[in-house]
């Protein structure tokens, strides 16, 4: 019973992490679409990009190619 509970705890933790990453990706896409649409009508909103991809890479444990050693 105890081992099963630990297994479910870690599975739930990973599931929550995946949902968080997907939510951040969705938010970043929505924000990028808004910023690009504002740019299409002549409003410069580049300062409002969220840059959530850095956070997503860190949460996904994907190395940043700009800082990783080759």
PDB file of N, CA and C in Angstrom:
ATOM      1  N   UNK A   1       0.822  -1.193   0.000  1.00  0.00           N
ATOM      2  CA  UNK A   1       0.000   0.000   0.000  1.00  0.00           C
ATOM      3  C   UNK A   1       0.860   1.247   0.000  1.00  0.00           C
ATOM      4  N   UNK A   2       1.902   1.257   0.845  1.00  0.00           N
ATOM      5  CA  UNK A   2       2.779   2.423   0.968  1.00  0.00           C
ATOM      6  C   UNK A   2       3.528   2.679  -0.340  1.00  0.00           C
ATOM      7  N   UNK A   3       4.063   1.614  -0.954  1.00  0.00           N
ATOM      8  CA  UNK A   3       4.798   1.751  -2.214  1.00  0.00           C
ATOM      9  C   UNK A   3       3.866   2.266  -3.303  1.00  0.00           C
ATOM     10  N   UNK A   4       2.670   1.797  -3.322  1.00  0.00           N
ATOM     11  CA  UNK A   4       1.682   2.235  -4.307  1.00  0.00           C
ATOM     12  C   UNK A   4       1.388   3.728  -4.137  1.00  0.00           C
ATOM     13  N   UNK A   5       1.272   4.186  -2.907  1.00  0.00           N
ATOM     14  CA  UNK A   5       0.995   5.598  -2.647  1.00  0.00           C
ATOM     15  C   UNK A   5       2.139   6.482  -3.125  1.00  0.00           C
ATOM     16  N   UNK A   6       3.383   6.052  -2.908  1.00  0.00           N
ATOM     17  CA  UNK A   6       4.539   6.819  -3.377  1.00  0.00           C
ATOM     18  C   UNK A   6       4.547   6.869  -4.898  1.00  0.00           C
ATOM     19  N   UNK A   7       4.257   5.747  -5.517  1.00  0.00           N
ATOM     20  CA  UNK A   7       4.226   5.686  -6.981  1.00  0.00           C
ATOM     21  C   UNK A   7       3.178   6.654  -7.524  1.00  0.00           C
ATOM     22  N   UNK A   8       2.002   6.679  -6.932  1.00  0.00           N
ATOM     23  CA  UNK A   8       0.947   7.590  -7.377  1.00  0.00           C
ATOM     24  C   UNK A   8       1.326   9.046  -7.118  1.00  0.00           C
ATOM     25  N   UNK A   9       2.036   9.293  -6.021  1.00  0.00           N
ATOM     26  CA  UNK A   9       2.475  10.652  -5.715  1.00  0.00           C
ATOM     27  C   UNK A   9       3.380  11.174  -6.823  1.00  0.00           C
ATOM     28  N   UNK A  10       4.358  10.363  -7.230  1.00  0.00           N
ATOM     29  CA  UNK A  10       5.282  10.809  -8.272  1.00  0.00           C
ATOM     30  C   UNK A  10       4.602  10.897  -9.624  1.00  0.00           C
ATOM     31  N   UNK A  11       3.661  10.010  -9.897  1.00  0.00           N
ATOM     32  CA  UNK A  11       2.925  10.086 -11.156  1.00  0.00           C
ATOM     33  C   UNK A  11       2.091  11.357 -11.193  1.00  0.00           C
ATOM     34  N   UNK A  12       1.453  11.688 -10.088  1.00  0.00           N
ATOM     35  CA  UNK A  12       0.651  12.898 -10.027  1.00  0.00           C
ATOM     36  C   UNK A  12       1.526  14.133 -10.156  1.00  0.00           C
ATOM     37  N   UNK A  13       2.705  14.096  -9.560  1.00  0.00           N
ATOM     38  CA  UNK A  13       3.634  15.216  -9.639  1.00  0.00           C
ATOM     39  C   UNK A  13       4.065  15.447 -11.085  1.00  0.00           C
ATOM     40  N   UNK A  14       4.373  14.378 -11.805  1.00  0.00           N
ATOM     41  CA  UNK A  14       4.768  14.496 -13.209  1.00  0.00           C
ATOM     42  C   UNK A  14       3.597  14.972 -14.066  1.00  0.00           C
ATOM     43  N   UNK A  15       2.418  14.503 -13.752  1.00  0.00           N
ATOM     44  CA  UNK A  15       1.223  14.918 -14.493  1.00  0.00           C
ATOM     45  C   UNK A  15       0.970  16.414 -14.293  1.00  0.00           C
ATOM     46  N   UNK A  16       1.123  16.883 -13.075  1.00  0.00           N
ATOM     47  CA  UNK A  16       0.954  18.307 -12.775  1.00  0.00           C
ATOM     48  C   UNK A  16       2.008  19.117 -13.518  1.00  0.00           C
ATOM     49  N   UNK A  17       3.235  18.633 -13.534  1.00  0.00           N
ATOM     50  CA  UNK A  17       4.322  19.319 -14.230  1.00  0.00           C
ATOM     51  C   UNK A  17       4.028  19.412 -15.726  1.00  0.00           C
ATOM     52  N   UNK A  18       3.560  18.324 -16.328  1.00  0.00           N
ATOM     53  CA  UNK A  18       3.216  18.337 -17.752  1.00  0.00           C
ATOM     54  C   UNK A  18       2.102  19.323 -18.038  1.00  0.00           C
ATOM     55  N   UNK A  19       1.094  19.345 -17.175  1.00  0.00           N
ATOM     56  CA  UNK A  19      -0.015  20.284 -17.372  1.00  0.00           C
ATOM     57  C   UNK A  19       0.455  21.733 -17.264  1.00  0.00           C
ATOM     58  N   UNK A  20       1.365  21.984 -16.325  1.00  0.00           N
ATOM     59  CA  UNK A  20       1.923  23.317 -16.164  1.00  0.00           C
ATOM     60  C   UNK A  20       2.682  23.742 -17.421  1.00  0.00           C
ATOM     61  N   UNK A  21       3.497  22.849 -17.939  1.00  0.00           N
ATOM     62  CA  UNK A  21       4.259  23.151 -19.153  1.00  0.00           C
ATOM     63  C   UNK A  21       3.317  23.427 -20.318  1.00  0.00           C
ATOM     64  N   UNK A  22       2.306  22.592 -20.481  1.00  0.00           N
ATOM     65  CA  UNK A  22       1.346  22.807 -21.566  1.00  0.00           C
ATOM     66  C   UNK A  22       0.586  24.115 -21.393  1.00  0.00           C
ATOM     67  N   UNK A  23       0.238  24.453 -20.177  1.00  0.00           N
ATOM     68  CA  UNK A  23      -0.449  25.711 -19.905  1.00  0.00           C
ATOM     69  C   UNK A  23       0.443  26.908 -20.248  1.00  0.00           C
ATOM     70  N   UNK A  24       1.723  26.824 -19.899  1.00  0.00           N
ATOM     71  CA  UNK A  24       2.655  27.903 -20.223  1.00  0.00           C
ATOM     72  C   UNK A  24       2.835  28.047 -21.729  1.00  0.00           C
ATOM     73  N   UNK A  25       2.913  26.928 -22.437  1.00  0.00           N
ATOM     74  CA  UNK A  25       3.025  26.978 -23.899  1.00  0.00           C
ATOM     75  C   UNK A  25       1.792  27.638 -24.497  1.00  0.00           C
ATOM     76  N   UNK A  26       0.624  27.244 -24.020  1.00  0.00           N
ATOM     77  CA  UNK A  26      -0.625  27.829 -24.512  1.00  0.00           C
ATOM     78  C   UNK A  26      -0.666  29.328 -24.245  1.00  0.00           C
ATOM     79  N   UNK A  27      -0.308  29.743 -23.031  1.00  0.00           N
ATOM     80  CA  UNK A  27      -0.298  31.167 -22.690  1.00  0.00           C
ATOM     81  C   UNK A  27       0.683  31.950 -23.552  1.00  0.00           C
ATOM     82  N   UNK A  28       1.850  31.352 -23.810  1.00  0.00           N
ATOM     83  CA  UNK A  28       2.858  32.012 -24.631  1.00  0.00           C
ATOM     84  C   UNK A  28       2.364  32.181 -26.062  1.00  0.00           C
ATOM     85  N   UNK A  29       1.690  31.158 -26.590  1.00  0.00           N
ATOM     86  CA  UNK A  29       1.144  31.243 -27.951  1.00  0.00           C
ATOM     87  C   UNK A  29       0.052  32.308 -28.051  1.00  0.00           C
ATOM     88  N   UNK A  30      -0.821  32.367 -27.063  1.00  0.00           N
ATOM     89  CA  UNK A  30      -1.882  33.379 -27.052  1.00  0.00           C
ATOM     90  C   UNK A  30      -1.281  34.773 -26.985  1.00  0.00           C
ATOM     91  N   UNK A  31      -0.288  34.954 -26.103  1.00  0.00           N
ATOM     92  CA  UNK A  31       0.363  36.249 -25.964  1.00  0.00           C
ATOM     93  C   UNK A  31       1.093  36.644 -27.246  1.00  0.00           C
ATOM     94  N   UNK A  32       1.792  35.700 -27.858  1.00  0.00           N
ATOM     95  CA  UNK A  32       2.506  35.984 -29.106  1.00  0.00           C
ATOM     96  C   UNK A  32       1.537  36.376 -30.217  1.00  0.00           C
ATOM     97  N   UNK A  33       0.412  35.694 -30.282  1.00  0.00           N
ATOM     98  CA  UNK A  33      -0.597  36.029 -31.290  1.00  0.00           C
ATOM     99  C   UNK A  33      -1.122  37.451 -31.071  1.00  0.00           C
ATOM    100  N   UNK A  34      -1.348  37.818 -29.821  1.00  0.00           N
ATOM    101  CA  UNK A  34      -1.813  39.170 -29.504  1.00  0.00           C
ATOM    102  C   UNK A  34      -0.781  40.215 -29.915  1.00  0.00           C
ATOM    103  N   UNK A  35       0.481  39.979 -29.540  1.00  0.00           N
ATOM    104  CA  UNK A  35       1.551  40.922 -29.862  1.00  0.00           C
ATOM    105  C   UNK A  35       1.713  41.048 -31.379  1.00  0.00           C
ATOM    106  N   UNK A  36       1.668  39.932 -32.086  1.00  0.00           N
ATOM    107  CA  UNK A  36       1.788  39.971 -33.551  1.00  0.00           C
ATOM    108  C   UNK A  36       0.601  40.677 -34.193  1.00  0.00           C
ATOM    109  N   UNK A  37      -0.593  40.455 -33.676  1.00  0.00           N
ATOM    110  CA  UNK A  37      -1.784  41.124 -34.211  1.00  0.00           C
ATOM    111  C   UNK A  37      -1.710  42.630 -33.984  1.00  0.00           C
ATOM    112  N   UNK A  38      -1.226  43.026 -32.827  1.00  0.00           N
ATOM    113  CA  UNK A  38      -1.051  44.456 -32.567  1.00  0.00           C
ATOM    114  C   UNK A  38      -0.016  45.045 -33.521  1.00  0.00           C
ATOM    115  N   UNK A  39       1.038  44.280 -33.800  1.00  0.00           N
ATOM    116  CA  UNK A  39       2.045  44.722 -34.766  1.00  0.00           C
ATOM    117  C   UNK A  39       1.467  44.871 -36.157  1.00  0.00           C
ATOM    118  N   UNK A  40       0.532  44.010 -36.526  1.00  0.00           N
ATOM    119  CA  UNK A  40      -0.111  44.081 -37.842  1.00  0.00           C
ATOM    120  C   UNK A  40      -0.908  45.369 -38.028  1.00  0.00           C
ATOM    121  N   UNK A  41      -1.432  45.922 -36.935  1.00  0.00           N
ATOM    122  CA  UNK A  41      -2.210  47.162 -37.055  1.00  0.00           C
ATOM    123  C   UNK A  41      -1.371  48.395 -36.709  1.00  0.00           C
ATOM    124  N   UNK A  42      -0.052  48.181 -36.587  1.00  0.00           N
ATOM    125  CA  UNK A  42       0.844  49.308 -36.414  1.00  0.00           C
ATOM    126  C   UNK A  42       1.230  49.649 -34.987  1.00  0.00           C
ATOM    127  N   UNK A  43       0.869  48.811 -34.027  1.00  0.00           N
ATOM    128  CA  UNK A  43       1.227  49.063 -32.630  1.00  0.00           C
ATOM    129  C   UNK A  43       2.419  48.190 -32.274  1.00  0.00           C
ATOM    130  N   UNK A  44       3.515  48.808 -31.874  1.00  0.00           N
ATOM    131  CA  UNK A  44       4.713  48.057 -31.501  1.00  0.00           C
ATOM    132  C   UNK A  44       4.556  47.577 -30.061  1.00  0.00           C
ATOM    133  N   UNK A  45       4.329  46.282 -29.903  1.00  0.00           N
ATOM    134  CA  UNK A  45       4.117  45.710 -28.570  1.00  0.00           C
ATOM    135  C   UNK A  45       5.160  44.639 -28.256  1.00  0.00           C
ATOM    136  N   UNK A  46       6.334  44.732 -28.902  1.00  0.00           N
ATOM    137  CA  UNK A  46       7.375  43.720 -28.700  1.00  0.00           C
ATOM    138  C   UNK A  46       7.824  43.614 -27.248  1.00  0.00           C
ATOM    139  N   UNK A  47       7.707  44.684 -26.490  1.00  0.00           N
ATOM    140  CA  UNK A  47       8.113  44.649 -25.083  1.00  0.00           C
ATOM    141  C   UNK A  47       7.171  43.807 -24.228  1.00  0.00           C
ATOM    142  N   UNK A  48       6.054  43.389 -24.791  1.00  0.00           N
ATOM    143  CA  UNK A  48       5.071  42.624 -24.019  1.00  0.00           C
ATOM    144  C   UNK A  48       5.145  41.123 -24.267  1.00  0.00           C
ATOM    145  N   UNK A  49       6.172  40.658 -24.977  1.00  0.00           N
ATOM    146  CA  UNK A  49       6.350  39.221 -25.140  1.00  0.00           C
ATOM    147  C   UNK A  49       6.746  38.623 -23.796  1.00  0.00           C
ATOM    148  N   UNK A  50       6.229  37.464 -23.478  1.00  0.00           N
ATOM    149  CA  UNK A  50       6.432  36.856 -22.163  1.00  0.00           C
ATOM    150  C   UNK A  50       7.718  36.047 -22.049  1.00  0.00           C
ATOM    151  N   UNK A  51       8.244  35.569 -23.185  1.00  0.00           N
ATOM    152  CA  UNK A  51       9.462  34.746 -23.188  1.00  0.00           C
ATOM    153  C   UNK A  51       9.327  33.535 -22.265  1.00  0.00           C
ATOM    154  N   UNK A  52       8.195  32.878 -22.336  1.00  0.00           N
ATOM    155  CA  UNK A  52       7.957  31.705 -21.489  1.00  0.00           C
ATOM    156  C   UNK A  52       8.687  30.461 -21.980  1.00  0.00           C
ATOM    157  N   UNK A  53       9.229  30.512 -23.192  1.00  0.00           N
ATOM    158  CA  UNK A  53       9.919  29.323 -23.698  1.00  0.00           C
ATOM    159  C   UNK A  53      11.116  28.971 -22.822  1.00  0.00           C
ATOM    160  N   UNK A  54      11.806  29.969 -22.274  1.00  0.00           N
ATOM    161  CA  UNK A  54      12.927  29.691 -21.365  1.00  0.00           C
ATOM    162  C   UNK A  54      12.446  28.898 -20.152  1.00  0.00           C
ATOM    163  N   UNK A  55      11.316  29.303 -19.595  1.00  0.00           N
ATOM    164  CA  UNK A  55      10.749  28.608 -18.437  1.00  0.00           C
ATOM    165  C   UNK A  55      10.344  27.185 -18.819  1.00  0.00           C
ATOM    166  N   UNK A  56       9.741  27.036 -19.989  1.00  0.00           N
ATOM    167  CA  UNK A  56       9.325  25.707 -20.444  1.00  0.00           C
ATOM    168  C   UNK A  56      10.512  24.783 -20.626  1.00  0.00           C
ATOM    169  N   UNK A  57      11.603  25.303 -21.193  1.00  0.00           N
ATOM    170  CA  UNK A  57      12.795  24.474 -21.376  1.00  0.00           C
ATOM    171  C   UNK A  57      13.369  24.046 -20.027  1.00  0.00           C
ATOM    172  N   UNK A  58      13.373  24.944 -19.063  1.00  0.00           N
ATOM    173  CA  UNK A  58      13.897  24.600 -17.737  1.00  0.00           C
ATOM    174  C   UNK A  58      13.026  23.544 -17.061  1.00  0.00           C
ATOM    175  N   UNK A  59      11.713  23.713 -17.139  1.00  0.00           N
ATOM    176  CA  UNK A  59      10.812  22.733 -16.530  1.00  0.00           C
ATOM    177  C   UNK A  59      10.901  21.378 -17.228  1.00  0.00           C
ATOM    178  N   UNK A  60      11.141  21.393 -18.530  1.00  0.00           N
ATOM    179  CA  UNK A  60      11.237  20.158 -19.304  1.00  0.00           C
ATOM    180  C   UNK A  60      12.620  19.538 -19.221  1.00  0.00           C
ATOM    181  N   UNK A  61      13.542  20.271 -18.578  1.00  0.00           N
ATOM    182  CA  UNK A  61      14.936  19.840 -18.459  1.00  0.00           C
ATOM    183  C   UNK A  61      15.596  19.681 -19.822  1.00  0.00           C
ATOM    184  N   UNK A  62      15.219  20.559 -20.750  1.00  0.00           N
ATOM    185  CA  UNK A  62      15.840  20.612 -22.070  1.00  0.00           C
ATOM    186  C   UNK A  62      16.944  21.656 -21.987  1.00  0.00           C
ATOM    187  N   UNK A  63      18.181  21.300 -22.351  1.00  0.00           N
ATOM    188  CA  UNK A  63      19.265  22.261 -22.224  1.00  0.00           C
ATOM    189  C   UNK A  63      19.100  23.448 -23.168  1.00  0.00           C
ATOM    190  N   UNK A  64      19.504  24.595 -22.687  1.00  0.00           N
ATOM    191  CA  UNK A  64      19.484  25.807 -23.496  1.00  0.00           C
ATOM    192  C   UNK A  64      20.700  25.764 -24.409  1.00  0.00           C
ATOM    193  N   UNK A  65      20.497  25.795 -25.709  1.00  0.00           N
ATOM    194  CA  UNK A  65      21.606  25.651 -26.649  1.00  0.00           C
ATOM    195  C   UNK A  65      22.560  26.835 -26.615  1.00  0.00           C
ATOM    196  N   UNK A  66      22.106  27.973 -26.125  1.00  0.00           N
ATOM    197  CA  UNK A  66      22.973  29.140 -26.067  1.00  0.00           C
ATOM    198  C   UNK A  66      23.949  29.055 -24.895  1.00  0.00           C
ATOM    199  N   UNK A  67      23.575  28.366 -23.831  1.00  0.00           N
ATOM    200  CA  UNK A  67      24.436  28.310 -22.655  1.00  0.00           C
ATOM    201  C   UNK A  67      25.075  26.950 -22.435  1.00  0.00           C
ATOM    202  N   UNK A  68      24.578  25.918 -23.116  1.00  0.00           N
ATOM    203  CA  UNK A  68      25.149  24.586 -22.897  1.00  0.00           C
ATOM    204  C   UNK A  68      26.470  24.447 -23.644  1.00  0.00           C
ATOM    205  N   UNK A  69      27.333  23.619 -23.092  1.00  0.00           N
ATOM    206  CA  UNK A  69      28.632  23.381 -23.718  1.00  0.00           C
ATOM    207  C   UNK A  69      28.457  22.354 -24.828  1.00  0.00           C
ATOM    208  N   UNK A  70      29.147  22.566 -25.906  1.00  0.00           N
ATOM    209  CA  UNK A  70      29.031  21.645 -27.043  1.00  0.00           C
ATOM    210  C   UNK A  70      30.183  20.697 -27.099  1.00  0.00           C
TER     211      UNK A  70
END
